[in-house]
Amino acid sequence: MAQLMNRDEFRTALEEAIKGKSANKAPFSVAWASGKLSREHLAKWAENHYHYVGPFADYLAYIYANTPENFKEAKDFLLQNMYEEELGGDRHTDLLIRFAEACGTTRERVEDPDNMSPTTRGLQSWCYAVAMREHPVVAVAALVVGLESQVPSIYRRQTPTLRDKYGFTDEEVEFFDLHIVSDEIHGERGYQIVLEHADTVELQQRCLKICEIGAQMRLLYTTALYYDYVADELPLSELDMAA
């Protein structure tokens, strides 16, 4: 039978729940990091990614509404995260659209939900469902620890390639530079909220499971991008999947 873990044990268990399921392992990510995608492929990524991350402030708002008043630091973090997404400087989705336009697509195509794949629609729906229905600490574990905390490690592999191999400017890749920094901070804050407030065996186990599911969802979403848009032009045999 599972027992209540101390903070160090629980932190390690959360990290292990995500380990081995990074979206860096998806063939789309491997092709991106090695410079084998075209700008058209990257445009398809942006058209899909908008519909996953675009509603992120909405996801957080549902969690905020379900968070008890005495979880003051957690509520403050959620508000700050929402503010940064929508109001703190350039709107994050506008930065994403700037990159998308540099790839050759348009704001209209990016914002059109008909241009996302069924798997992307599934990830978006899962995020909404978790944010609305789960215990707020479990929802933070899913969306901030399981999903958002992965972002810096993913973008650190991809962003240098955007500059060095694709020739994007600093302004065009600002979306990625920003999230390498901000999501590292957000991810750690998410960990601290879960470590503090998952204070029963049941909550700890639910957080561990949903972190694992969240990592799997992002890996599935990123893998689907390869099979939906790239596989016919770039077979797996041409990718170093062990890299």
C-alpha atoms as a PDB file:
ATOM      1  CA  MET A   1       0.000   0.000   0.000  1.00  0.00           C
ATOM      2  CA  ALA A   2       1.254   3.468  -0.887  1.00  0.00           C
ATOM      3  CA  GLN A   3       2.400   5.681   1.974  1.00  0.00           C
ATOM      4  CA  LEU A   4       2.573   9.448   2.362  1.00  0.00           C
ATOM      5  CA  MET A   5       5.905  10.635   0.952  1.00  0.00           C
ATOM      6  CA  ASN A   6       8.005  13.478   2.280  1.00  0.00           C
ATOM      7  CA  ARG A   7       8.720  16.394  -0.052  1.00  0.00           C
ATOM      8  CA  ASP A   8      12.024  15.016  -1.354  1.00  0.00           C
ATOM      9  CA  GLU A   9      10.555  11.595  -2.055  1.00  0.00           C
ATOM     10  CA  PHE A  10       7.490  13.092  -3.697  1.00  0.00           C
ATOM     11  CA  ARG A  11       9.569  15.465  -5.872  1.00  0.00           C
ATOM     12  CA  THR A  12      11.638  12.537  -7.105  1.00  0.00           C
ATOM     13  CA  ALA A  13       8.502  10.510  -7.802  1.00  0.00           C
ATOM     14  CA  LEU A  14       6.960  13.382  -9.806  1.00  0.00           C
ATOM     15  CA  GLU A  15      10.117  13.707 -11.893  1.00  0.00           C
ATOM     16  CA  GLU A  16      10.165   9.940 -12.479  1.00  0.00           C
ATOM     17  CA  ALA A  17       6.519  10.035 -13.594  1.00  0.00           C
ATOM     18  CA  ILE A  18       7.520  12.338 -16.457  1.00  0.00           C
ATOM     19  CA  LYS A  19      10.922  10.813 -17.206  1.00  0.00           C
ATOM     20  CA  GLY A  20      11.196   8.974 -20.498  1.00  0.00           C
ATOM     21  CA  LYS A  21       8.058  10.577 -21.914  1.00  0.00           C
ATOM     22  CA  SER A  22       9.462  13.905 -23.083  1.00  0.00           C
ATOM     23  CA  ALA A  23       8.122  15.263 -26.347  1.00  0.00           C
ATOM     24  CA  ASN A  24      11.797  15.536 -27.358  1.00  0.00           C
ATOM     25  CA  LYS A  25      11.510  11.832 -28.183  1.00  0.00           C
ATOM     26  CA  ALA A  26       8.793  12.373 -30.790  1.00  0.00           C
ATOM     27  CA  PRO A  27       9.961  12.086 -34.420  1.00  0.00           C
ATOM     28  CA  PHE A  28       8.680  15.593 -35.171  1.00  0.00           C
ATOM     29  CA  SER A  29      10.956  16.982 -32.430  1.00  0.00           C
ATOM     30  CA  VAL A  30      13.916  14.923 -33.623  1.00  0.00           C
ATOM     31  CA  ALA A  31      13.441  16.155 -37.186  1.00  0.00           C
ATOM     32  CA  TRP A  32      13.117  19.736 -35.933  1.00  0.00           C
ATOM     33  CA  ALA A  33      16.250  19.627 -33.779  1.00  0.00           C
ATOM     34  CA  SER A  34      18.260  18.150 -36.655  1.00  0.00           C
ATOM     35  CA  GLY A  35      17.048  20.765 -39.130  1.00  0.00           C
ATOM     36  CA  LYS A  36      15.184  18.324 -41.396  1.00  0.00           C
ATOM     37  CA  LEU A  37      11.775  19.982 -41.310  1.00  0.00           C
ATOM     38  CA  SER A  38      10.696  22.539 -43.891  1.00  0.00           C
ATOM     39  CA  ARG A  39       9.206  25.917 -43.035  1.00  0.00           C
ATOM     40  CA  GLU A  40       5.888  24.478 -44.216  1.00  0.00           C
ATOM     41  CA  HIS A  41       6.169  21.769 -41.554  1.00  0.00           C
ATOM     42  CA  LEU A  42       6.942  24.374 -38.911  1.00  0.00           C
ATOM     43  CA  ALA A  43       3.909  26.364 -40.048  1.00  0.00           C
ATOM     44  CA  LYS A  44       1.753  23.289 -39.453  1.00  0.00           C
ATOM     45  CA  TRP A  45       3.233  23.019 -35.964  1.00  0.00           C
ATOM     46  CA  ALA A  46       2.313  26.654 -35.265  1.00  0.00           C
ATOM     47  CA  GLU A  47      -1.222  26.197 -36.613  1.00  0.00           C
ATOM     48  CA  ASN A  48      -1.694  23.324 -34.185  1.00  0.00           C
ATOM     49  CA  HIS A  49       0.266  24.667 -31.242  1.00  0.00           C
ATOM     50  CA  TYR A  50      -1.853  27.798 -31.127  1.00  0.00           C
ATOM     51  CA  HIS A  51      -4.901  25.724 -30.238  1.00  0.00           C
ATOM     52  CA  TYR A  52      -3.072  23.896 -27.453  1.00  0.00           C
ATOM     53  CA  VAL A  53      -1.337  26.857 -25.771  1.00  0.00           C
ATOM     54  CA  GLY A  54      -3.680  29.632 -26.879  1.00  0.00           C
ATOM     55  CA  PRO A  55      -6.304  28.751 -24.232  1.00  0.00           C
ATOM     56  CA  PHE A  56      -3.693  28.244 -21.476  1.00  0.00           C
ATOM     57  CA  ALA A  57      -4.924  31.256 -19.515  1.00  0.00           C
ATOM     58  CA  ASP A  58      -8.429  29.796 -19.774  1.00  0.00           C
ATOM     59  CA  TYR A  59      -7.222  26.482 -18.332  1.00  0.00           C
ATOM     60  CA  LEU A  60      -5.571  28.338 -15.461  1.00  0.00           C
ATOM     61  CA  ALA A  61      -8.696  30.412 -14.864  1.00  0.00           C
ATOM     62  CA  TYR A  62     -10.768  27.270 -14.295  1.00  0.00           C
ATOM     63  CA  ILE A  63      -8.150  25.985 -11.846  1.00  0.00           C
ATOM     64  CA  TYR A  64      -8.117  29.372 -10.099  1.00  0.00           C
ATOM     65  CA  ALA A  65     -11.890  29.298  -9.691  1.00  0.00           C
ATOM     66  CA  ASN A  66     -11.669  25.859  -8.035  1.00  0.00           C
ATOM     67  CA  THR A  67      -8.744  26.714  -5.749  1.00  0.00           C
ATOM     68  CA  PRO A  68      -9.624  27.307  -2.067  1.00  0.00           C
ATOM     69  CA  GLU A  69      -9.135  30.835  -0.748  1.00  0.00           C
ATOM     70  CA  ASN A  70      -6.596  29.666   1.833  1.00  0.00           C
ATOM     71  CA  PHE A  71      -4.259  28.482  -0.975  1.00  0.00           C
ATOM     72  CA  LYS A  72      -3.211  32.114  -1.350  1.00  0.00           C
ATOM     73  CA  GLU A  73       0.230  31.574  -2.914  1.00  0.00           C
ATOM     74  CA  ALA A  74      -1.183  29.077  -5.383  1.00  0.00           C
ATOM     75  CA  LYS A  75      -3.932  31.503  -6.426  1.00  0.00           C
ATOM     76  CA  ASP A  76      -1.395  34.315  -6.758  1.00  0.00           C
ATOM     77  CA  PHE A  77       0.757  32.131  -9.015  1.00  0.00           C
ATOM     78  CA  LEU A  78      -2.184  31.224 -11.229  1.00  0.00           C
ATOM     79  CA  LEU A  79      -3.142  34.893 -11.603  1.00  0.00           C
ATOM     80  CA  GLN A  80       0.432  35.879 -12.391  1.00  0.00           C
ATOM     81  CA  ASN A  81       0.720  33.114 -14.968  1.00  0.00           C
ATOM     82  CA  MET A  82      -2.532  34.232 -16.624  1.00  0.00           C
ATOM     83  CA  TYR A  83      -1.326  37.845 -16.630  1.00  0.00           C
ATOM     84  CA  GLU A  84       1.949  36.903 -18.290  1.00  0.00           C
ATOM     85  CA  GLU A  85       0.127  34.896 -20.964  1.00  0.00           C
ATOM     86  CA  GLU A  86      -2.295  37.652 -21.896  1.00  0.00           C
ATOM     87  CA  LEU A  87      -1.209  41.077 -20.618  1.00  0.00           C
ATOM     88  CA  GLY A  88       2.388  41.149 -19.380  1.00  0.00           C
ATOM     89  CA  GLY A  89       4.113  42.596 -22.416  1.00  0.00           C
ATOM     90  CA  ASP A  90       3.443  40.975 -25.787  1.00  0.00           C
ATOM     91  CA  ARG A  91       0.606  38.464 -25.733  1.00  0.00           C
ATOM     92  CA  HIS A  92       2.199  35.031 -26.017  1.00  0.00           C
ATOM     93  CA  THR A  93      -0.136  33.968 -28.803  1.00  0.00           C
ATOM     94  CA  ASP A  94       0.863  37.037 -30.816  1.00  0.00           C
ATOM     95  CA  LEU A  95       4.501  35.960 -30.550  1.00  0.00           C
ATOM     96  CA  LEU A  96       3.514  32.508 -31.773  1.00  0.00           C
ATOM     97  CA  ILE A  97       1.625  34.008 -34.709  1.00  0.00           C
ATOM     98  CA  ARG A  98       4.667  36.155 -35.548  1.00  0.00           C
ATOM     99  CA  PHE A  99       6.710  32.964 -35.837  1.00  0.00           C
ATOM    100  CA  ALA A 100       3.938  31.281 -37.841  1.00  0.00           C
ATOM    101  CA  GLU A 101       3.864  34.152 -40.335  1.00  0.00           C
ATOM    102  CA  ALA A 102       7.641  33.895 -40.711  1.00  0.00           C
ATOM    103  CA  CYS A 103       7.074  30.239 -41.636  1.00  0.00           C
ATOM    104  CA  GLY A 104       4.718  31.281 -44.443  1.00  0.00           C
ATOM    105  CA  THR A 105       1.247  30.856 -42.955  1.00  0.00           C
ATOM    106  CA  THR A 106      -1.218  33.548 -41.869  1.00  0.00           C
ATOM    107  CA  ARG A 107      -2.890  34.729 -38.690  1.00  0.00           C
ATOM    108  CA  GLU A 108      -6.232  33.656 -40.162  1.00  0.00           C
ATOM    109  CA  ARG A 109      -5.039  30.094 -40.730  1.00  0.00           C
ATOM    110  CA  VAL A 110      -3.462  29.883 -37.285  1.00  0.00           C
ATOM    111  CA  GLU A 111      -6.606  31.087 -35.537  1.00  0.00           C
ATOM    112  CA  ASP A 112      -8.923  28.824 -37.555  1.00  0.00           C
ATOM    113  CA  PRO A 113      -9.721  25.733 -35.436  1.00  0.00           C
ATOM    114  CA  ASP A 114     -10.353  23.717 -38.600  1.00  0.00           C
ATOM    115  CA  ASN A 115      -6.588  23.728 -39.177  1.00  0.00           C
ATOM    116  CA  MET A 116      -5.708  21.704 -36.072  1.00  0.00           C
ATOM    117  CA  SER A 117      -5.412  17.941 -36.169  1.00  0.00           C
ATOM    118  CA  PRO A 118      -7.770  15.615 -34.271  1.00  0.00           C
ATOM    119  CA  THR A 119      -4.962  14.799 -31.833  1.00  0.00           C
ATOM    120  CA  THR A 120      -4.412  18.477 -31.086  1.00  0.00           C
ATOM    121  CA  ARG A 121      -8.136  18.846 -30.508  1.00  0.00           C
ATOM    122  CA  GLY A 122      -7.926  15.925 -28.095  1.00  0.00           C
ATOM    123  CA  LEU A 123      -5.066  17.526 -26.146  1.00  0.00           C
ATOM    124  CA  GLN A 124      -6.942  20.825 -25.909  1.00  0.00           C
ATOM    125  CA  SER A 125     -10.079  19.044 -24.707  1.00  0.00           C
ATOM    126  CA  TRP A 126      -8.095  17.080 -22.118  1.00  0.00           C
ATOM    127  CA  CYS A 127      -6.589  20.300 -20.758  1.00  0.00           C
ATOM    128  CA  TYR A 128     -10.030  21.880 -20.435  1.00  0.00           C
ATOM    129  CA  ALA A 129     -11.476  18.776 -18.773  1.00  0.00           C
ATOM    130  CA  VAL A 130      -8.641  18.511 -16.245  1.00  0.00           C
ATOM    131  CA  ALA A 131      -8.779  22.221 -15.417  1.00  0.00           C
ATOM    132  CA  MET A 132     -12.545  22.197 -14.900  1.00  0.00           C
ATOM    133  CA  ARG A 133     -13.083  18.862 -13.166  1.00  0.00           C
ATOM    134  CA  GLU A 134      -9.994  17.839 -11.218  1.00  0.00           C
ATOM    135  CA  HIS A 135      -8.944  18.875  -7.727  1.00  0.00           C
ATOM    136  CA  PRO A 136      -6.949  22.102  -8.274  1.00  0.00           C
ATOM    137  CA  VAL A 137      -3.702  20.583  -6.980  1.00  0.00           C
ATOM    138  CA  VAL A 138      -4.114  17.630  -9.335  1.00  0.00           C
ATOM    139  CA  ALA A 139      -4.848  20.048 -12.188  1.00  0.00           C
ATOM    140  CA  VAL A 140      -1.660  22.014 -11.424  1.00  0.00           C
ATOM    141  CA  ALA A 141       0.258  18.742 -11.438  1.00  0.00           C
ATOM    142  CA  ALA A 142      -1.174  17.914 -14.864  1.00  0.00           C
ATOM    143  CA  LEU A 143      -0.887  21.233 -16.677  1.00  0.00           C
ATOM    144  CA  VAL A 144       2.041  22.960 -14.996  1.00  0.00           C
ATOM    145  CA  VAL A 145       4.244  20.045 -13.892  1.00  0.00           C
ATOM    146  CA  GLY A 146       3.281  17.423 -16.476  1.00  0.00           C
ATOM    147  CA  LEU A 147       3.100  19.797 -19.454  1.00  0.00           C
ATOM    148  CA  GLU A 148       4.540  23.267 -18.846  1.00  0.00           C
ATOM    149  CA  SER A 149       7.668  22.177 -16.977  1.00  0.00           C
ATOM    150  CA  GLN A 150       8.784  20.213 -20.073  1.00  0.00           C
ATOM    151  CA  VAL A 151       8.915  23.269 -22.302  1.00  0.00           C
ATOM    152  CA  PRO A 152      12.419  24.634 -21.512  1.00  0.00           C
ATOM    153  CA  SER A 153      14.110  21.288 -22.259  1.00  0.00           C
ATOM    154  CA  ILE A 154      12.197  21.004 -25.545  1.00  0.00           C
ATOM    155  CA  TYR A 155      12.833  24.544 -26.751  1.00  0.00           C
ATOM    156  CA  ARG A 156      16.511  24.494 -25.741  1.00  0.00           C
ATOM    157  CA  ARG A 157      17.001  21.771 -28.352  1.00  0.00           C
ATOM    158  CA  GLN A 158      14.889  23.395 -31.042  1.00  0.00           C
ATOM    159  CA  THR A 159      15.594  27.114 -30.803  1.00  0.00           C
ATOM    160  CA  PRO A 160      19.299  27.066 -31.805  1.00  0.00           C
ATOM    161  CA  THR A 161      18.286  25.158 -34.944  1.00  0.00           C
ATOM    162  CA  LEU A 162      15.731  27.825 -35.813  1.00  0.00           C
ATOM    163  CA  ARG A 163      18.510  30.417 -35.875  1.00  0.00           C
ATOM    164  CA  ASP A 164      21.424  28.387 -37.216  1.00  0.00           C
ATOM    165  CA  LYS A 165      19.782  26.158 -39.833  1.00  0.00           C
ATOM    166  CA  TYR A 166      16.544  27.910 -40.744  1.00  0.00           C
ATOM    167  CA  GLY A 167      17.774  31.506 -40.473  1.00  0.00           C
ATOM    168  CA  PHE A 168      14.993  32.933 -38.335  1.00  0.00           C
ATOM    169  CA  THR A 169      15.688  36.271 -36.656  1.00  0.00           C
ATOM    170  CA  ASP A 170      15.681  36.891 -32.912  1.00  0.00           C
ATOM    171  CA  GLU A 171      12.369  38.700 -33.232  1.00  0.00           C
ATOM    172  CA  GLU A 172      10.787  35.786 -35.110  1.00  0.00           C
ATOM    173  CA  VAL A 173      11.822  33.243 -32.438  1.00  0.00           C
ATOM    174  CA  GLU A 174      11.019  35.402 -29.405  1.00  0.00           C
ATOM    175  CA  PHE A 175       8.165  33.023 -28.525  1.00  0.00           C
ATOM    176  CA  PHE A 176      10.696  30.275 -27.829  1.00  0.00           C
ATOM    177  CA  ASP A 177      13.244  32.414 -25.987  1.00  0.00           C
ATOM    178  CA  LEU A 178      10.512  33.744 -23.708  1.00  0.00           C
ATOM    179  CA  HIS A 179       9.186  30.312 -22.802  1.00  0.00           C
ATOM    180  CA  ILE A 180      12.598  28.841 -22.069  1.00  0.00           C
ATOM    181  CA  VAL A 181      12.824  31.345 -19.223  1.00  0.00           C
ATOM    182  CA  SER A 182       9.201  31.776 -18.111  1.00  0.00           C
ATOM    183  CA  ASP A 183       8.203  28.114 -18.169  1.00  0.00           C
ATOM    184  CA  GLU A 184      11.239  27.123 -16.127  1.00  0.00           C
ATOM    185  CA  ILE A 185       9.981  29.499 -13.430  1.00  0.00           C
ATOM    186  CA  HIS A 186       6.366  28.382 -13.857  1.00  0.00           C
ATOM    187  CA  GLY A 187       7.309  24.721 -13.762  1.00  0.00           C
ATOM    188  CA  GLU A 188       9.194  25.121 -10.501  1.00  0.00           C
ATOM    189  CA  ARG A 189       6.335  27.100  -8.956  1.00  0.00           C
ATOM    190  CA  GLY A 190       3.997  24.321 -10.026  1.00  0.00           C
ATOM    191  CA  TYR A 191       6.195  21.734  -8.342  1.00  0.00           C
ATOM    192  CA  GLN A 192       6.176  23.744  -5.119  1.00  0.00           C
ATOM    193  CA  ILE A 193       2.373  24.034  -5.117  1.00  0.00           C
ATOM    194  CA  VAL A 194       1.963  20.296  -5.619  1.00  0.00           C
ATOM    195  CA  LEU A 195       4.612  19.437  -3.010  1.00  0.00           C
ATOM    196  CA  GLU A 196       2.935  21.664  -0.439  1.00  0.00           C
ATOM    197  CA  HIS A 197      -0.729  20.908  -1.009  1.00  0.00           C
ATOM    198  CA  ALA A 198      -0.805  17.254  -2.071  1.00  0.00           C
ATOM    199  CA  ASP A 199      -0.831  16.315   1.592  1.00  0.00           C
ATOM    200  CA  THR A 200      -2.621  12.961   1.533  1.00  0.00           C
ATOM    201  CA  VAL A 201      -1.670   9.611   0.030  1.00  0.00           C
ATOM    202  CA  GLU A 202      -4.636   9.837  -2.336  1.00  0.00           C
ATOM    203  CA  LEU A 203      -3.706  13.302  -3.620  1.00  0.00           C
ATOM    204  CA  GLN A 204      -0.065  12.356  -4.072  1.00  0.00           C
ATOM    205  CA  GLN A 205      -0.982   9.275  -6.087  1.00  0.00           C
ATOM    206  CA  ARG A 206      -3.463  11.214  -8.223  1.00  0.00           C
ATOM    207  CA  CYS A 207      -0.813  13.851  -8.933  1.00  0.00           C
ATOM    208  CA  LEU A 208       1.738  11.227  -9.923  1.00  0.00           C
ATOM    209  CA  LYS A 209      -0.677   9.521 -12.298  1.00  0.00           C
ATOM    210  CA  ILE A 210      -1.855  12.704 -13.963  1.00  0.00           C
ATOM    211  CA  CYS A 211       1.729  13.956 -14.415  1.00  0.00           C
ATOM    212  CA  GLU A 212       2.469  10.742 -16.276  1.00  0.00           C
ATOM    213  CA  ILE A 213      -0.672  11.140 -18.379  1.00  0.00           C
ATOM    214  CA  GLY A 214       0.140  14.784 -19.115  1.00  0.00           C
ATOM    215  CA  ALA A 215       3.601  13.886 -20.379  1.00  0.00           C
ATOM    216  CA  GLN A 216       2.101  11.102 -22.495  1.00  0.00           C
ATOM    217  CA  MET A 217      -0.465  13.507 -23.936  1.00  0.00           C
ATOM    218  CA  ARG A 218       2.189  15.975 -25.093  1.00  0.00           C
ATOM    219  CA  LEU A 219       4.300  13.161 -26.541  1.00  0.00           C
ATOM    220  CA  LEU A 220       1.250  11.793 -28.377  1.00  0.00           C
ATOM    221  CA  TYR A 221       0.369  15.251 -29.722  1.00  0.00           C
ATOM    222  CA  THR A 222       3.896  15.889 -30.984  1.00  0.00           C
ATOM    223  CA  THR A 223       4.180  12.414 -32.509  1.00  0.00           C
ATOM    224  CA  ALA A 224       0.893  12.935 -34.357  1.00  0.00           C
ATOM    225  CA  LEU A 225       2.302  16.078 -35.978  1.00  0.00           C
ATOM    226  CA  TYR A 226       4.957  13.923 -37.642  1.00  0.00           C
ATOM    227  CA  TYR A 227       2.501  11.351 -38.971  1.00  0.00           C
ATOM    228  CA  ASP A 228      -0.064  13.959 -40.037  1.00  0.00           C
ATOM    229  CA  TYR A 229       2.289  16.339 -41.850  1.00  0.00           C
ATOM    230  CA  VAL A 230       5.816  14.970 -42.287  1.00  0.00           C
ATOM    231  CA  ALA A 231       5.958  11.177 -42.615  1.00  0.00           C
ATOM    232  CA  ASP A 232       5.194  11.066 -46.353  1.00  0.00           C
ATOM    233  CA  GLU A 233       8.169  13.338 -47.082  1.00  0.00           C
ATOM    234  CA  LEU A 234      10.604  12.267 -44.360  1.00  0.00           C
ATOM    235  CA  PRO A 235      10.537   8.583 -43.348  1.00  0.00           C
ATOM    236  CA  LEU A 236      11.637   7.478 -39.878  1.00  0.00           C
ATOM    237  CA  SER A 237      14.633   5.728 -41.437  1.00  0.00           C
ATOM    238  CA  GLU A 238      16.119   9.172 -42.159  1.00  0.00           C
ATOM    239  CA  LEU A 239      15.898  10.272 -38.514  1.00  0.00           C
ATOM    240  CA  ASP A 240      18.313   9.442 -35.721  1.00  0.00           C
ATOM    241  CA  MET A 241      15.698   8.467 -33.124  1.00  0.00           C
ATOM    242  CA  ALA A 242      18.421   7.503 -30.654  1.00  0.00           C
ATOM    243  CA  ALA A 243      19.808  11.037 -30.532  1.00  0.00           C
END
